[in-house]
Amino acid sequence: MQGDKTREKIIAFATMHFFTFGYSKVSTEDLVSGLAMSKSTMYKYFPR
């Protein structure tokens, strides 16, 4: 299912960034920019 792949893509990218830069140094903007998606798309898969 496409939604599962998108969710997995977000998790993999975020995990890599958290381990590389530290959790407190990674912003939502960093993630959505690197994933080339909007915040609303990311929040669709990970509601606040």
N, C-alpha and C. Protein backbone atom coordinates (compact mmCIF):
# COMPACT_ATOMS: atom_id res chain seq x y z
N MET A 1 0.84 -1.18 0.00
CA MET A 1 0.00 0.00 0.00
C MET A 1 0.89 1.25 0.00
N GLN A 2 0.54 2.24 -0.80
CA GLN A 2 1.35 3.45 -0.96
C GLN A 2 1.53 4.21 0.35
N GLY A 3 0.47 4.29 1.16
CA GLY A 3 0.55 5.00 2.44
C GLY A 3 1.58 4.40 3.37
N ASP A 4 1.68 3.08 3.37
CA ASP A 4 2.67 2.40 4.20
C ASP A 4 4.09 2.74 3.74
N LYS A 5 4.29 2.80 2.43
CA LYS A 5 5.62 3.13 1.90
C LYS A 5 6.00 4.56 2.24
N THR A 6 5.04 5.46 2.16
CA THR A 6 5.31 6.86 2.49
C THR A 6 5.66 6.98 3.96
N ARG A 7 4.92 6.31 4.81
CA ARG A 7 5.19 6.34 6.25
C ARG A 7 6.59 5.79 6.54
N GLU A 8 6.94 4.69 5.90
CA GLU A 8 8.26 4.09 6.09
C GLU A 8 9.37 5.03 5.59
N LYS A 9 9.11 5.73 4.49
CA LYS A 9 10.08 6.70 3.96
C LYS A 9 10.32 7.82 4.96
N ILE A 10 9.25 8.32 5.56
CA ILE A 10 9.37 9.39 6.56
C ILE A 10 10.16 8.90 7.76
N ILE A 11 9.84 7.72 8.25
CA ILE A 11 10.53 7.16 9.42
C ILE A 11 12.01 6.97 9.13
N ALA A 12 12.35 6.41 7.98
CA ALA A 12 13.76 6.17 7.64
C ALA A 12 14.53 7.48 7.54
N PHE A 13 13.95 8.46 6.88
CA PHE A 13 14.63 9.75 6.71
C PHE A 13 14.79 10.45 8.06
N ALA A 14 13.75 10.46 8.86
CA ALA A 14 13.82 11.11 10.17
C ALA A 14 14.83 10.41 11.08
N THR A 15 14.83 9.11 11.08
CA THR A 15 15.77 8.35 11.91
C THR A 15 17.21 8.69 11.54
N MET A 16 17.49 8.71 10.23
CA MET A 16 18.84 9.05 9.77
C MET A 16 19.23 10.45 10.23
N HIS A 17 18.32 11.40 10.11
CA HIS A 17 18.63 12.77 10.52
C HIS A 17 18.79 12.88 12.04
N PHE A 18 17.97 12.19 12.81
CA PHE A 18 18.08 12.25 14.27
C PHE A 18 19.43 11.68 14.72
N PHE A 19 19.85 10.57 14.13
CA PHE A 19 21.13 9.98 14.51
C PHE A 19 22.31 10.83 14.04
N THR A 20 22.16 11.48 12.91
CA THR A 20 23.25 12.29 12.36
C THR A 20 23.40 13.63 13.07
N PHE A 21 22.28 14.31 13.30
CA PHE A 21 22.33 15.68 13.82
C PHE A 21 21.86 15.82 15.27
N GLY A 22 21.23 14.81 15.81
CA GLY A 22 20.68 14.89 17.16
C GLY A 22 19.23 15.33 17.12
N TYR A 23 18.44 14.74 17.98
CA TYR A 23 16.99 14.98 17.98
C TYR A 23 16.65 16.46 18.11
N SER A 24 17.35 17.15 18.99
CA SER A 24 17.02 18.56 19.24
C SER A 24 17.45 19.49 18.11
N LYS A 25 18.26 19.02 17.19
CA LYS A 25 18.74 19.85 16.08
C LYS A 25 17.93 19.68 14.80
N VAL A 26 17.00 18.73 14.76
CA VAL A 26 16.22 18.46 13.56
C VAL A 26 14.83 19.07 13.72
N SER A 27 14.45 19.90 12.75
CA SER A 27 13.13 20.53 12.80
C SER A 27 12.18 19.85 11.81
N THR A 28 10.92 20.14 11.97
CA THR A 28 9.93 19.65 11.02
C THR A 28 10.25 20.18 9.63
N GLU A 29 10.68 21.42 9.55
CA GLU A 29 11.05 22.01 8.27
C GLU A 29 12.19 21.24 7.60
N ASP A 30 13.18 20.81 8.40
CA ASP A 30 14.28 20.01 7.86
C ASP A 30 13.74 18.72 7.24
N LEU A 31 12.83 18.09 7.94
CA LEU A 31 12.30 16.82 7.46
C LEU A 31 11.48 16.99 6.19
N VAL A 32 10.54 17.91 6.20
CA VAL A 32 9.68 18.06 5.02
C VAL A 32 10.48 18.57 3.82
N SER A 33 11.48 19.39 4.07
CA SER A 33 12.32 19.86 2.97
C SER A 33 13.10 18.70 2.35
N GLY A 34 13.72 17.89 3.19
CA GLY A 34 14.49 16.75 2.72
C GLY A 34 13.64 15.68 2.06
N LEU A 35 12.39 15.58 2.50
CA LEU A 35 11.47 14.59 1.93
C LEU A 35 10.70 15.14 0.73
N ALA A 36 10.85 16.43 0.47
CA ALA A 36 10.12 17.10 -0.62
C ALA A 36 8.62 16.89 -0.49
N MET A 37 8.11 17.18 0.71
CA MET A 37 6.67 17.10 0.95
C MET A 37 6.25 18.24 1.85
N SER A 38 4.97 18.48 1.90
CA SER A 38 4.46 19.56 2.75
C SER A 38 4.28 19.07 4.19
N LYS A 39 4.18 20.02 5.10
CA LYS A 39 3.92 19.66 6.49
C LYS A 39 2.59 18.93 6.61
N SER A 40 1.60 19.38 5.86
CA SER A 40 0.28 18.73 5.96
C SER A 40 0.34 17.27 5.52
N THR A 41 1.18 16.97 4.55
CA THR A 41 1.35 15.57 4.14
C THR A 41 2.00 14.76 5.25
N MET A 42 3.04 15.32 5.86
CA MET A 42 3.70 14.61 6.94
C MET A 42 2.76 14.39 8.12
N TYR A 43 1.98 15.43 8.46
CA TYR A 43 1.06 15.31 9.58
C TYR A 43 -0.10 14.36 9.27
N LYS A 44 -0.34 14.11 8.00
CA LYS A 44 -1.36 13.11 7.63
C LYS A 44 -0.93 11.74 8.15
N TYR A 45 0.36 11.46 8.06
CA TYR A 45 0.90 10.16 8.50
C TYR A 45 1.28 10.15 9.96
N PHE A 46 1.58 11.34 10.52
CA PHE A 46 1.98 11.47 11.92
C PHE A 46 1.26 12.66 12.53
N PRO A 47 0.00 12.47 12.93
CA PRO A 47 -0.73 13.58 13.53
C PRO A 47 -0.02 14.07 14.80
N ARG A 48 -0.18 15.33 15.07
CA ARG A 48 0.48 15.92 16.25
C ARG A 48 -0.01 15.33 17.52
